[in-house]
């Protein structure tokens, strides 16, 4: 073989090797590019999924918050309505009790209350408190408990009496105001208008 043929074969071998190397490097670059594109695509999808999930969570939180506010507003509205109805019922009851204080039955009620106080306190010194509207009932109290100190209590709005016997540690409240307030508590508990 001559020199040129050897040289030609050598150059062909180098070119073949270079082509092979080029093809291999091109394939590696293509594989690397495809891997990076796949990774970027996956990362992009994950980022988009995370964004969507975060947006959904944010929207859900807003909806839940709005719902909670609406429920609170409704509960407060129901509570106010229930309170308004109870107030109307008890305003009517108060009016009926005020009318009752003008009857003979009320005088008999006071008589029983005073006798009950006397039964508990005996001859001990007592302070009897009455409503301003019951000023004319002083003589009834004095006829049953002559030694009682009688005071007008502006906090008794309807009628009835309170008794305080400090020596015996007895404090009795037999006012129509207290009885009505006890009924209010019972009414709220048992009227079936609970706000939950």
N, C-alpha and C. Protein backbone atom coordinates (compact mmCIF):
# COMPACT_ATOMS: atom_id res chain seq x y z
N UNK A 1 0.83 -1.14 0.00
CA UNK A 1 0.00 0.00 0.00
C UNK A 1 0.89 1.22 0.00
N UNK A 2 0.38 2.08 -0.75
CA UNK A 2 1.22 3.25 -0.84
C UNK A 2 0.84 4.21 0.28
N UNK A 3 1.60 5.25 0.28
CA UNK A 3 1.49 6.23 1.36
C UNK A 3 0.15 6.93 1.30
N UNK A 4 -0.27 7.22 0.10
CA UNK A 4 -1.52 7.96 -0.06
C UNK A 4 -2.69 7.10 0.38
N UNK A 5 -2.65 5.90 0.08
CA UNK A 5 -3.74 5.00 0.45
C UNK A 5 -3.77 4.85 1.97
N UNK A 6 -2.57 4.73 2.53
CA UNK A 6 -2.51 4.63 3.98
C UNK A 6 -3.05 5.90 4.61
N UNK A 7 -2.63 7.00 4.02
CA UNK A 7 -3.06 8.29 4.56
C UNK A 7 -4.57 8.41 4.40
N UNK A 8 -5.09 7.99 3.25
CA UNK A 8 -6.50 8.07 2.97
C UNK A 8 -7.28 7.18 3.94
N UNK A 9 -6.77 5.98 4.17
CA UNK A 9 -7.43 5.07 5.11
C UNK A 9 -7.36 5.62 6.52
N UNK A 10 -6.24 6.25 6.84
CA UNK A 10 -6.06 6.83 8.17
C UNK A 10 -7.05 7.98 8.36
N UNK A 11 -7.16 8.84 7.32
CA UNK A 11 -8.09 9.96 7.38
C UNK A 11 -9.54 9.45 7.42
N UNK A 12 -9.81 8.39 6.67
CA UNK A 12 -11.15 7.83 6.71
C UNK A 12 -11.47 7.29 8.11
N UNK A 13 -10.47 6.65 8.70
CA UNK A 13 -10.66 6.11 10.05
C UNK A 13 -10.89 7.25 11.04
N UNK A 14 -10.11 8.33 10.90
CA UNK A 14 -10.26 9.48 11.80
C UNK A 14 -11.62 10.12 11.56
N UNK A 15 -12.01 10.26 10.28
CA UNK A 15 -13.32 10.84 9.97
C UNK A 15 -14.45 9.96 10.50
N UNK A 16 -14.27 8.65 10.35
CA UNK A 16 -15.27 7.72 10.84
C UNK A 16 -15.40 7.83 12.35
N UNK A 17 -14.22 7.89 12.98
CA UNK A 17 -14.19 8.02 14.44
C UNK A 17 -14.80 9.36 14.86
N UNK A 18 -14.47 10.44 14.13
CA UNK A 18 -14.99 11.76 14.42
C UNK A 18 -16.51 11.76 14.22
N UNK A 19 -16.97 11.11 13.13
CA UNK A 19 -18.41 11.02 12.87
C UNK A 19 -19.10 10.25 13.99
N UNK A 20 -18.46 9.17 14.41
CA UNK A 20 -19.00 8.36 15.49
C UNK A 20 -19.06 9.17 16.78
N UNK A 21 -17.96 9.89 17.06
CA UNK A 21 -17.90 10.74 18.26
C UNK A 21 -18.96 11.85 18.16
N UNK A 22 -19.07 12.44 16.96
CA UNK A 22 -20.04 13.50 16.74
C UNK A 22 -21.45 12.97 16.98
N UNK A 23 -21.73 11.78 16.39
CA UNK A 23 -23.06 11.18 16.56
C UNK A 23 -23.32 10.88 18.03
N UNK A 24 -22.29 10.37 18.72
CA UNK A 24 -22.43 10.04 20.14
C UNK A 24 -22.67 11.32 20.94
N UNK A 25 -21.88 12.38 20.67
CA UNK A 25 -22.04 13.65 21.39
C UNK A 25 -23.38 14.27 21.06
N UNK A 26 -23.79 14.20 19.79
CA UNK A 26 -25.10 14.73 19.39
C UNK A 26 -26.21 13.99 20.13
N UNK A 27 -26.08 12.66 20.23
CA UNK A 27 -27.09 11.85 20.95
C UNK A 27 -27.10 12.21 22.43
N UNK A 28 -25.87 12.37 23.01
CA UNK A 28 -25.80 12.75 24.43
C UNK A 28 -26.44 14.12 24.65
N UNK A 29 -26.16 15.06 23.72
CA UNK A 29 -26.76 16.40 23.83
C UNK A 29 -28.27 16.30 23.71
N UNK A 30 -28.73 15.50 22.74
CA UNK A 30 -30.18 15.33 22.54
C UNK A 30 -30.81 14.69 23.78
N UNK A 31 -30.16 13.64 24.31
CA UNK A 31 -30.67 12.98 25.53
C UNK A 31 -30.70 13.96 26.69
N UNK A 32 -29.60 14.74 26.83
CA UNK A 32 -29.52 15.72 27.92
C UNK A 32 -30.62 16.76 27.77
N UNK A 33 -30.80 17.26 26.52
CA UNK A 33 -31.82 18.26 26.23
C UNK A 33 -33.20 17.68 26.54
N UNK A 34 -33.47 16.45 26.10
CA UNK A 34 -34.76 15.81 26.35
C UNK A 34 -35.00 15.62 27.85
N UNK A 35 -33.93 15.21 28.58
CA UNK A 35 -34.04 15.04 30.04
C UNK A 35 -34.38 16.37 30.69
N UNK A 36 -33.67 17.43 30.30
CA UNK A 36 -33.90 18.75 30.88
C UNK A 36 -35.29 19.27 30.53
N UNK A 37 -35.71 19.03 29.29
CA UNK A 37 -37.06 19.45 28.88
C UNK A 37 -38.10 18.69 29.70
N UNK A 38 -37.88 17.38 29.86
CA UNK A 38 -38.80 16.55 30.66
C UNK A 38 -38.85 17.04 32.10
N UNK A 39 -37.63 17.32 32.67
CA UNK A 39 -37.57 17.83 34.05
C UNK A 39 -38.28 19.18 34.16
N UNK A 40 -38.01 20.06 33.20
CA UNK A 40 -38.64 21.38 33.21
C UNK A 40 -40.16 21.26 33.07
N UNK A 41 -40.59 20.34 32.19
CA UNK A 41 -42.02 20.11 32.01
C UNK A 41 -42.64 19.60 33.30
N UNK A 42 -41.98 18.61 33.92
CA UNK A 42 -42.48 18.06 35.18
C UNK A 42 -42.51 19.14 36.27
N UNK A 43 -41.45 19.94 36.33
CA UNK A 43 -41.40 21.01 37.33
C UNK A 43 -42.48 22.04 37.06
N UNK A 44 -42.66 22.37 35.78
CA UNK A 44 -43.72 23.31 35.40
C UNK A 44 -45.09 22.78 35.77
N UNK A 45 -45.32 21.50 35.51
CA UNK A 45 -46.60 20.88 35.88
C UNK A 45 -46.79 20.88 37.40
N UNK A 46 -45.70 20.55 38.14
CA UNK A 46 -45.77 20.54 39.61
C UNK A 46 -46.05 21.95 40.13
N UNK A 47 -45.34 22.94 39.55
CA UNK A 47 -45.57 24.33 39.97
C UNK A 47 -47.00 24.76 39.67
N UNK A 48 -47.51 24.39 38.49
CA UNK A 48 -48.88 24.75 38.13
C UNK A 48 -49.86 24.06 39.07
N UNK A 49 -49.60 22.78 39.36
CA UNK A 49 -50.46 22.03 40.28
C UNK A 49 -50.44 22.68 41.66
N UNK A 50 -49.23 23.05 42.13
CA UNK A 50 -49.12 23.70 43.45
C UNK A 50 -49.86 25.03 43.46
N UNK A 51 -49.74 25.79 42.36
CA UNK A 51 -50.45 27.07 42.27
C UNK A 51 -51.96 26.87 42.29
N UNK A 52 -52.41 25.89 41.52
CA UNK A 52 -53.85 25.60 41.48
C UNK A 52 -54.33 25.15 42.86
N UNK A 53 -53.57 24.27 43.49
CA UNK A 53 -53.94 23.78 44.82
C UNK A 53 -53.97 24.93 45.83
N UNK A 54 -52.97 25.83 45.77
CA UNK A 54 -52.92 26.98 46.67
C UNK A 54 -54.11 27.91 46.41
N UNK A 55 -54.43 28.10 45.12
CA UNK A 55 -55.56 28.96 44.78
C UNK A 55 -56.87 28.34 45.27
N UNK A 56 -57.02 27.04 45.09
CA UNK A 56 -58.22 26.35 45.56
C UNK A 56 -58.32 26.46 47.07
N UNK A 57 -57.20 26.25 47.77
CA UNK A 57 -57.20 26.34 49.24
C UNK A 57 -57.56 27.76 49.68
N UNK A 58 -57.03 28.74 48.98
CA UNK A 58 -57.33 30.14 49.30
C UNK A 58 -58.81 30.44 49.08
N UNK A 59 -59.33 29.98 47.95
CA UNK A 59 -60.74 30.21 47.66
C UNK A 59 -61.63 29.48 48.67
N UNK A 60 -61.22 28.27 49.02
CA UNK A 60 -61.98 27.49 49.99
C UNK A 60 -61.98 28.21 51.34
N UNK A 61 -60.83 28.75 51.75
CA UNK A 61 -60.74 29.48 53.02
C UNK A 61 -61.66 30.70 53.01
N UNK A 62 -61.71 31.41 51.87
CA UNK A 62 -62.59 32.57 51.75
C UNK A 62 -64.05 32.13 51.86
N UNK A 63 -64.39 31.04 51.18
CA UNK A 63 -65.78 30.54 51.23
C UNK A 63 -66.15 30.11 52.64
N UNK A 64 -65.25 29.37 53.29
CA UNK A 64 -65.51 28.92 54.66
C UNK A 64 -65.66 30.12 55.59
N UNK A 65 -64.79 31.11 55.42
CA UNK A 65 -64.85 32.32 56.24
C UNK A 65 -66.17 33.07 56.01
N UNK A 66 -66.54 33.20 54.74
CA UNK A 66 -67.82 33.86 54.42
C UNK A 66 -68.99 33.10 55.00
N UNK A 67 -68.94 31.78 54.90
CA UNK A 67 -70.00 30.94 55.44
C UNK A 67 -70.09 31.10 56.96
N UNK A 68 -68.94 31.12 57.62
CA UNK A 68 -68.94 31.29 59.07
C UNK A 68 -69.53 32.65 59.46
N UNK A 69 -69.18 33.69 58.69
CA UNK A 69 -69.75 35.01 58.97
C UNK A 69 -71.25 35.01 58.79
N UNK A 70 -71.71 34.39 57.70
CA UNK A 70 -73.16 34.32 57.44
C UNK A 70 -73.87 33.57 58.56
N UNK A 71 -73.28 32.44 59.00
CA UNK A 71 -73.89 31.67 60.07
C UNK A 71 -73.96 32.50 61.35
N UNK A 72 -72.89 33.23 61.64
CA UNK A 72 -72.87 34.08 62.83
C UNK A 72 -73.93 35.17 62.73
N UNK A 73 -74.03 35.80 61.55
CA UNK A 73 -75.05 36.83 61.35
C UNK A 73 -76.45 36.25 61.54
N UNK A 74 -76.68 35.05 60.98
CA UNK A 74 -77.99 34.41 61.12
C UNK A 74 -78.29 34.07 62.58
N UNK A 75 -77.26 33.51 63.27
CA UNK A 75 -77.45 33.17 64.68
C UNK A 75 -77.74 34.43 65.50
N UNK A 76 -76.98 35.51 65.22
CA UNK A 76 -77.21 36.75 65.95
C UNK A 76 -78.60 37.30 65.65
N UNK A 77 -79.01 37.21 64.39
CA UNK A 77 -80.35 37.65 64.02
C UNK A 77 -81.43 36.84 64.73
N UNK A 78 -81.24 35.52 64.76
CA UNK A 78 -82.18 34.66 65.47
C UNK A 78 -82.20 34.97 66.96
N UNK A 79 -81.01 35.21 67.52
CA UNK A 79 -80.92 35.54 68.94
C UNK A 79 -81.68 36.85 69.22
N UNK A 80 -81.46 37.86 68.37
CA UNK A 80 -82.16 39.14 68.57
C UNK A 80 -83.67 38.95 68.43
N UNK A 81 -84.08 38.16 67.45
CA UNK A 81 -85.51 37.90 67.25
C UNK A 81 -86.09 37.17 68.46
N UNK A 82 -85.36 36.16 68.95
CA UNK A 82 -85.83 35.42 70.13
C UNK A 82 -85.93 36.37 71.32
N UNK A 83 -84.90 37.22 71.49
CA UNK A 83 -84.89 38.17 72.59
C UNK A 83 -86.05 39.15 72.47
N UNK A 84 -86.32 39.59 71.26
CA UNK A 84 -87.42 40.52 71.02
C UNK A 84 -88.76 39.88 71.37
N UNK A 85 -88.94 38.61 70.95
CA UNK A 85 -90.19 37.91 71.28
C UNK A 85 -90.34 37.73 72.79
N UNK A 86 -89.24 37.33 73.44
CA UNK A 86 -89.28 37.15 74.90
C UNK A 86 -89.58 38.48 75.58
N UNK A 87 -88.96 39.56 75.10
CA UNK A 87 -89.22 40.88 75.69
C UNK A 87 -90.69 41.26 75.55
N UNK A 88 -91.28 40.98 74.39
CA UNK A 88 -92.71 41.29 74.18
C UNK A 88 -93.58 40.50 75.16
N UNK A 89 -93.27 39.21 75.28
CA UNK A 89 -94.04 38.36 76.20
C UNK A 89 -93.93 38.90 77.62
N UNK A 90 -92.72 39.26 78.03
CA UNK A 90 -92.53 39.70 79.41
C UNK A 90 -92.98 41.15 79.63
N UNK A 91 -92.99 41.95 78.59
CA UNK A 91 -93.59 43.28 78.73
C UNK A 91 -95.09 43.16 78.97
N UNK A 92 -95.72 42.22 78.25
CA UNK A 92 -97.15 41.99 78.46
C UNK A 92 -97.40 41.43 79.86
N UNK A 93 -96.53 40.51 80.29
CA UNK A 93 -96.68 39.93 81.63
C UNK A 93 -96.51 41.02 82.69
N UNK A 94 -95.55 41.93 82.47
CA UNK A 94 -95.33 43.02 83.42
C UNK A 94 -96.57 43.91 83.50
N UNK A 95 -97.15 44.21 82.35
CA UNK A 95 -98.37 45.03 82.33
C UNK A 95 -99.49 44.34 83.11
N UNK A 96 -99.62 43.04 82.93
CA UNK A 96 -100.66 42.29 83.66
C UNK A 96 -100.37 42.29 85.15
N UNK A 97 -99.09 42.17 85.52
CA UNK A 97 -98.74 42.21 86.94
C UNK A 97 -98.98 43.59 87.54
N UNK A 98 -98.68 44.64 86.78
CA UNK A 98 -98.97 45.99 87.28
C UNK A 98 -100.47 46.17 87.50
N UNK A 99 -101.28 45.61 86.59
CA UNK A 99 -102.73 45.66 86.78
C UNK A 99 -103.13 44.83 88.01
N UNK A 100 -102.45 43.71 88.20
CA UNK A 100 -102.72 42.83 89.35
C UNK A 100 -102.47 43.57 90.68
N UNK A 101 -101.46 44.46 90.70
CA UNK A 101 -101.14 45.16 91.95
C UNK A 101 -102.26 46.11 92.38
N UNK A 102 -103.23 46.34 91.53
CA UNK A 102 -104.35 47.22 91.87
C UNK A 102 -105.56 46.43 92.38
N UNK A 103 -105.39 45.11 92.55
CA UNK A 103 -106.53 44.27 92.94
C UNK A 103 -106.44 43.86 94.41
N UNK A 104 -107.56 43.32 94.90
CA UNK A 104 -107.60 42.78 96.27
C UNK A 104 -106.75 41.52 96.37
N UNK A 105 -106.63 40.77 95.27
CA UNK A 105 -105.79 39.57 95.28
C UNK A 105 -104.34 39.95 95.60
N UNK A 106 -103.90 41.09 95.10
CA UNK A 106 -102.53 41.55 95.38
C UNK A 106 -102.38 41.85 96.88
N UNK A 107 -103.37 42.47 97.47
CA UNK A 107 -103.31 42.75 98.91
C UNK A 107 -103.20 41.44 99.69
N UNK A 108 -103.95 40.43 99.27
CA UNK A 108 -103.86 39.11 99.93
C UNK A 108 -102.48 38.49 99.70
N UNK A 109 -101.90 38.67 98.49
CA UNK A 109 -100.53 38.19 98.21
C UNK A 109 -99.53 38.83 99.17
N UNK A 110 -99.66 40.17 99.36
CA UNK A 110 -98.75 40.86 100.29
C UNK A 110 -98.94 40.36 101.71
N UNK A 111 -100.17 40.13 102.10
CA UNK A 111 -100.48 39.63 103.45
C UNK A 111 -99.77 38.29 103.67
N UNK A 112 -99.87 37.38 102.70
CA UNK A 112 -99.20 36.07 102.82
C UNK A 112 -97.68 36.24 102.91
N UNK A 113 -97.11 37.14 102.07
CA UNK A 113 -95.66 37.37 102.08
C UNK A 113 -95.20 37.90 103.43
N UNK A 114 -95.94 38.86 103.97
CA UNK A 114 -95.56 39.46 105.26
C UNK A 114 -95.65 38.41 106.36
N UNK A 115 -96.70 37.59 106.35
CA UNK A 115 -96.83 36.54 107.36
C UNK A 115 -95.72 35.50 107.24
N UNK A 116 -95.29 35.22 106.02
CA UNK A 116 -94.18 34.29 105.83
C UNK A 116 -92.89 34.88 106.38
N UNK A 117 -92.67 36.14 106.16
CA UNK A 117 -91.47 36.81 106.72
C UNK A 117 -91.53 36.75 108.24
N UNK A 118 -92.68 37.04 108.80
CA UNK A 118 -92.84 36.98 110.27
C UNK A 118 -92.57 35.57 110.78
N UNK A 119 -93.00 34.55 110.04
CA UNK A 119 -92.78 33.16 110.46
C UNK A 119 -91.29 32.84 110.47
N UNK A 120 -90.53 33.39 109.52
CA UNK A 120 -89.10 33.12 109.46
C UNK A 120 -88.29 33.99 110.42
N UNK A 121 -88.68 35.23 110.60
CA UNK A 121 -87.87 36.17 111.37
C UNK A 121 -88.35 36.34 112.81
N UNK A 122 -89.57 35.95 113.09
CA UNK A 122 -90.09 36.09 114.45
C UNK A 122 -90.09 37.54 114.89
N UNK A 123 -89.47 37.79 116.04
CA UNK A 123 -89.46 39.15 116.59
C UNK A 123 -88.17 39.90 116.27
N UNK A 124 -87.30 39.28 115.46
CA UNK A 124 -86.03 39.94 115.10
C UNK A 124 -86.32 41.20 114.29
N UNK A 125 -85.45 42.18 114.48
CA UNK A 125 -85.59 43.44 113.74
C UNK A 125 -85.40 43.18 112.24
N UNK A 126 -86.35 43.65 111.44
CA UNK A 126 -86.30 43.45 109.99
C UNK A 126 -86.45 44.78 109.27
N UNK A 127 -85.81 44.84 108.10
CA UNK A 127 -86.03 45.96 107.20
C UNK A 127 -86.86 45.41 106.04
N UNK A 128 -88.04 45.99 105.87
CA UNK A 128 -88.94 45.56 104.80
C UNK A 128 -88.88 46.63 103.71
N UNK A 129 -88.59 46.20 102.49
CA UNK A 129 -88.54 47.12 101.36
C UNK A 129 -89.76 46.91 100.49
N UNK A 130 -90.37 48.03 100.08
CA UNK A 130 -91.56 47.97 99.25
C UNK A 130 -91.35 48.81 97.99
N UNK A 131 -92.22 48.60 97.02
CA UNK A 131 -92.18 49.38 95.77
C UNK A 131 -92.72 50.79 96.06
N UNK A 132 -92.26 51.79 95.33
CA UNK A 132 -92.80 53.14 95.53
C UNK A 132 -94.33 53.19 95.37
N UNK A 133 -94.86 52.35 94.51
CA UNK A 133 -96.32 52.34 94.29
C UNK A 133 -97.09 51.67 95.43
N UNK A 134 -96.37 51.02 96.36
CA UNK A 134 -97.02 50.33 97.48
C UNK A 134 -96.96 51.13 98.79
N UNK A 135 -96.72 52.41 98.67
CA UNK A 135 -96.60 53.27 99.86
C UNK A 135 -97.84 53.15 100.75
N UNK A 136 -99.01 53.00 100.13
CA UNK A 136 -100.25 52.92 100.93
C UNK A 136 -100.40 51.58 101.65
N UNK A 137 -99.49 50.63 101.40
CA UNK A 137 -99.58 49.31 102.05
C UNK A 137 -98.78 49.27 103.37
N UNK A 138 -98.18 50.39 103.76
CA UNK A 138 -97.39 50.44 105.01
C UNK A 138 -98.20 49.94 106.20
N UNK A 139 -99.44 50.38 106.28
CA UNK A 139 -100.26 50.01 107.45
C UNK A 139 -100.49 48.51 107.51
N UNK A 140 -100.60 47.86 106.37
CA UNK A 140 -100.75 46.39 106.34
C UNK A 140 -99.51 45.74 106.93
N UNK A 141 -98.33 46.20 106.52
CA UNK A 141 -97.07 45.63 107.03
C UNK A 141 -96.95 45.89 108.52
N UNK A 142 -97.24 47.13 108.95
CA UNK A 142 -97.13 47.49 110.38
C UNK A 142 -98.11 46.71 111.24
N UNK A 143 -99.26 46.35 110.66
CA UNK A 143 -100.24 45.59 111.44
C UNK A 143 -99.77 44.16 111.70
N UNK A 144 -98.90 43.63 110.82
CA UNK A 144 -98.42 42.24 110.98
C UNK A 144 -97.05 42.21 111.66
N UNK A 145 -96.15 43.11 111.29
CA UNK A 145 -94.81 43.19 111.89
C UNK A 145 -94.63 44.63 112.38
N UNK A 146 -95.10 44.92 113.61
CA UNK A 146 -95.10 46.31 114.09
C UNK A 146 -93.69 46.92 114.22
N UNK A 147 -92.69 46.12 114.50
CA UNK A 147 -91.34 46.66 114.72
C UNK A 147 -90.52 46.77 113.44
N UNK A 148 -91.11 46.45 112.29
CA UNK A 148 -90.35 46.46 111.04
C UNK A 148 -90.02 47.90 110.62
N UNK A 149 -88.83 48.04 110.09
CA UNK A 149 -88.43 49.32 109.49
C UNK A 149 -88.81 49.21 108.01
N UNK A 150 -89.67 50.08 107.55
CA UNK A 150 -90.19 50.00 106.18
C UNK A 150 -89.50 51.07 105.33
N UNK A 151 -88.91 50.60 104.20
CA UNK A 151 -88.24 51.53 103.27
C UNK A 151 -88.81 51.34 101.88
N UNK A 152 -88.72 52.40 101.09
CA UNK A 152 -89.15 52.33 99.70
C UNK A 152 -87.92 52.04 98.85
N UNK A 153 -88.02 50.99 98.05
CA UNK A 153 -86.91 50.59 97.17
C UNK A 153 -87.28 50.93 95.73
N UNK A 154 -86.59 51.92 95.13
CA UNK A 154 -86.94 52.31 93.75
C UNK A 154 -86.63 51.22 92.72
N UNK A 155 -85.90 50.17 93.13
CA UNK A 155 -85.58 49.07 92.22
C UNK A 155 -86.73 48.07 92.10
N UNK A 156 -87.67 48.15 93.03
CA UNK A 156 -88.86 47.29 92.92
C UNK A 156 -89.83 48.05 92.03
N UNK A 157 -89.96 47.62 90.79
CA UNK A 157 -90.74 48.35 89.80
C UNK A 157 -92.19 47.91 89.73
N UNK A 158 -92.48 46.65 90.07
CA UNK A 158 -93.84 46.12 89.93
C UNK A 158 -94.52 46.09 91.29
N UNK A 159 -93.97 45.33 92.20
CA UNK A 159 -94.57 45.22 93.53
C UNK A 159 -94.00 44.04 94.28
N UNK A 160 -94.54 43.84 95.48
CA UNK A 160 -94.04 42.78 96.35
C UNK A 160 -93.12 43.38 97.40
N UNK A 161 -92.50 42.50 98.19
CA UNK A 161 -91.65 43.00 99.27
C UNK A 161 -90.34 42.21 99.35
N UNK A 162 -89.36 42.89 99.96
CA UNK A 162 -88.10 42.26 100.31
C UNK A 162 -87.94 42.41 101.81
N UNK A 163 -87.30 41.44 102.41
CA UNK A 163 -87.06 41.52 103.85
C UNK A 163 -85.61 41.19 104.12
N UNK A 164 -85.02 41.95 105.05
CA UNK A 164 -83.64 41.72 105.46
C UNK A 164 -83.63 41.71 106.98
N UNK A 165 -83.30 40.53 107.54
CA UNK A 165 -83.18 40.39 108.99
C UNK A 165 -81.72 40.08 109.29
N UNK A 166 -80.88 41.11 109.47
CA UNK A 166 -79.45 40.90 109.64
C UNK A 166 -79.10 40.03 110.84
N UNK A 167 -79.85 40.15 111.93
CA UNK A 167 -79.54 39.37 113.13
C UNK A 167 -79.64 37.87 112.87
N UNK A 168 -80.54 37.48 111.98
CA UNK A 168 -80.73 36.06 111.67
C UNK A 168 -80.06 35.66 110.35
N UNK A 169 -79.51 36.64 109.65
CA UNK A 169 -78.88 36.34 108.35
C UNK A 169 -79.89 35.94 107.29
N UNK A 170 -81.09 36.50 107.40
CA UNK A 170 -82.15 36.15 106.45
C UNK A 170 -82.36 37.31 105.48
N UNK A 171 -82.39 36.98 104.23
CA UNK A 171 -82.69 37.94 103.16
C UNK A 171 -83.71 37.27 102.25
N UNK A 172 -84.90 37.84 102.19
CA UNK A 172 -85.97 37.25 101.40
C UNK A 172 -86.40 38.26 100.33
N UNK A 173 -86.61 37.76 99.12
CA UNK A 173 -87.08 38.60 98.03
C UNK A 173 -88.34 37.96 97.46
N UNK A 174 -89.48 38.51 97.87
CA UNK A 174 -90.76 38.02 97.37
C UNK A 174 -91.43 39.13 96.56
N UNK A 175 -90.62 39.70 95.65
CA UNK A 175 -91.17 40.74 94.78
C UNK A 175 -91.69 40.11 93.49
N UNK A 176 -92.65 40.77 92.91
CA UNK A 176 -93.16 40.30 91.62
C UNK A 176 -92.09 40.47 90.55
N UNK A 177 -91.20 41.46 90.76
CA UNK A 177 -90.08 41.67 89.84
C UNK A 177 -89.18 40.43 89.80
N UNK A 178 -88.83 39.91 91.00
CA UNK A 178 -87.95 38.74 91.08
C UNK A 178 -88.66 37.51 90.51
N UNK A 179 -89.93 37.38 90.83
CA UNK A 179 -90.67 36.23 90.31
C UNK A 179 -90.75 36.27 88.78
N UNK A 180 -90.98 37.47 88.23
CA UNK A 180 -91.04 37.60 86.78
C UNK A 180 -89.69 37.28 86.15
N UNK A 181 -88.61 37.74 86.78
CA UNK A 181 -87.27 37.48 86.24
C UNK A 181 -86.95 35.98 86.28
N UNK A 182 -87.38 35.29 87.34
CA UNK A 182 -87.18 33.83 87.41
C UNK A 182 -87.94 33.14 86.28
N UNK A 183 -89.12 33.64 85.98
CA UNK A 183 -89.91 33.07 84.89
C UNK A 183 -89.25 33.33 83.54
N UNK A 184 -88.58 34.47 83.42
CA UNK A 184 -87.86 34.78 82.17
C UNK A 184 -86.78 33.73 81.94
N UNK A 185 -86.01 33.42 82.97
CA UNK A 185 -84.95 32.41 82.85
C UNK A 185 -85.55 31.07 82.47
N UNK A 186 -86.65 30.70 83.14
CA UNK A 186 -87.30 29.43 82.83
C UNK A 186 -87.81 29.45 81.38
N UNK A 187 -88.42 30.56 80.98
CA UNK A 187 -88.97 30.70 79.63
C UNK A 187 -87.88 30.53 78.58
N UNK A 188 -86.75 31.21 78.77
CA UNK A 188 -85.65 31.13 77.80
C UNK A 188 -85.15 29.68 77.69
N UNK A 189 -85.07 28.98 78.81
CA UNK A 189 -84.59 27.60 78.80
C UNK A 189 -85.59 26.62 78.19
N UNK A 190 -86.89 26.91 78.34
CA UNK A 190 -87.90 25.91 77.98
C UNK A 190 -88.83 26.29 76.84
N UNK A 191 -88.67 27.46 76.25
CA UNK A 191 -89.62 27.91 75.23
C UNK A 191 -89.42 27.24 73.88
N UNK A 192 -88.30 26.55 73.70
CA UNK A 192 -88.05 25.87 72.43
C UNK A 192 -87.52 26.78 71.34
N UNK A 193 -87.05 27.97 71.74
CA UNK A 193 -86.49 28.90 70.76
C UNK A 193 -84.99 29.01 70.93
N UNK A 194 -84.34 27.88 71.04
CA UNK A 194 -82.89 27.89 71.22
C UNK A 194 -82.20 28.31 69.92
N UNK A 195 -81.08 29.03 70.09
CA UNK A 195 -80.24 29.41 68.95
C UNK A 195 -78.98 28.59 69.04
N UNK A 196 -78.81 27.68 68.06
CA UNK A 196 -77.62 26.81 68.06
C UNK A 196 -76.77 27.07 66.86
